[in-house]
Amino acid sequence: MADKPDMGEIASFDKAKLKKTETQEKNTLLTKETIEQEKRSEIS
C-alpha cells in the first residue's frame, strides 16, 4: 500500500511515439428486424 507509481514516467511520456489504430466494432447490436426473425424461428 505504501508503493506509489512513478509519475515522472507519465510526465515524460511522448504520445507521438504511439501507433495509429482504427477501432472496429465487432459486437454490433441486433436490429428490431433481427430480433423478430429470431423470435419467429424459436416458435417454429
C-alpha atoms as a PDB file:
ATOM      1  CA  MET A   1       0.000   0.000   0.000  1.00  0.00           C
ATOM      2  CA  ALA A   2       2.949   2.328   0.568  1.00  0.00           C
ATOM      3  CA  ASP A   3       4.100   1.908  -3.042  1.00  0.00           C
ATOM      4  CA  LYS A   4       3.157   4.851  -5.241  1.00  0.00           C
ATOM      5  CA  PRO A   5       3.547   4.896  -9.026  1.00  0.00           C
ATOM      6  CA  ASP A   6       6.372   6.918 -10.524  1.00  0.00           C
ATOM      7  CA  MET A   7       4.640   9.979 -12.006  1.00  0.00           C
ATOM      8  CA  GLY A   8       7.906  11.054 -13.665  1.00  0.00           C
ATOM      9  CA  GLU A   9       7.428   8.386 -16.328  1.00  0.00           C
ATOM     10  CA  ILE A  10       3.956   9.710 -17.130  1.00  0.00           C
ATOM     11  CA  ALA A  11       5.160  13.319 -17.359  1.00  0.00           C
ATOM     12  CA  SER A  12       7.913  12.402 -19.829  1.00  0.00           C
ATOM     13  CA  PHE A  13       5.720  10.129 -21.993  1.00  0.00           C
ATOM     14  CA  ASP A  14       5.694  11.063 -25.697  1.00  0.00           C
ATOM     15  CA  LYS A  15       2.286  10.491 -27.306  1.00  0.00           C
ATOM     16  CA  ALA A  16       3.805  10.987 -30.767  1.00  0.00           C
ATOM     17  CA  LYS A  17       5.504   7.577 -30.480  1.00  0.00           C
ATOM     18  CA  LEU A  18       2.157   5.753 -30.311  1.00  0.00           C
ATOM     19  CA  LYS A  19       0.945   3.887 -33.385  1.00  0.00           C
ATOM     20  CA  LYS A  20      -2.288   4.986 -35.047  1.00  0.00           C
ATOM     21  CA  THR A  21      -5.007   2.317 -34.943  1.00  0.00           C
ATOM     22  CA  GLU A  22      -8.545   2.024 -36.247  1.00  0.00           C
ATOM     23  CA  THR A  23     -11.216   0.683 -33.937  1.00  0.00           C
ATOM     24  CA  GLN A  24     -13.672  -1.760 -35.492  1.00  0.00           C
ATOM     25  CA  GLU A  25     -16.915  -2.685 -33.751  1.00  0.00           C
ATOM     26  CA  LYS A  26     -17.136  -6.479 -33.580  1.00  0.00           C
ATOM     27  CA  ASN A  27     -20.242  -6.955 -31.441  1.00  0.00           C
ATOM     28  CA  THR A  28     -22.943  -4.879 -33.047  1.00  0.00           C
ATOM     29  CA  LEU A  29     -26.388  -4.530 -31.525  1.00  0.00           C
ATOM     30  CA  LEU A  30     -29.223  -6.503 -33.053  1.00  0.00           C
ATOM     31  CA  THR A  31     -31.805  -4.642 -35.096  1.00  0.00           C
ATOM     32  CA  LYS A  32     -35.503  -4.893 -34.336  1.00  0.00           C
ATOM     33  CA  GLU A  33     -35.963  -6.971 -37.508  1.00  0.00           C
ATOM     34  CA  THR A  34     -33.277  -9.454 -36.462  1.00  0.00           C
ATOM     35  CA  ILE A  35     -34.868  -9.899 -33.038  1.00  0.00           C
ATOM     36  CA  GLU A  36     -38.294 -10.515 -34.578  1.00  0.00           C
ATOM     37  CA  GLN A  37     -36.815 -13.036 -37.007  1.00  0.00           C
ATOM     38  CA  GLU A  38     -35.133 -14.933 -34.157  1.00  0.00           C
ATOM     39  CA  LYS A  39     -38.355 -14.964 -32.142  1.00  0.00           C
ATOM     40  CA  ARG A  40     -40.248 -16.415 -35.110  1.00  0.00           C
ATOM     41  CA  SER A  41     -37.602 -19.129 -35.639  1.00  0.00           C
ATOM     42  CA  GLU A  42     -37.772 -20.161 -31.941  1.00  0.00           C
ATOM     43  CA  ILE A  43     -41.539 -20.579 -32.080  1.00  0.00           C
ATOM     44  CA  SER A  44     -41.463 -22.807 -35.195  1.00  0.00           C
END
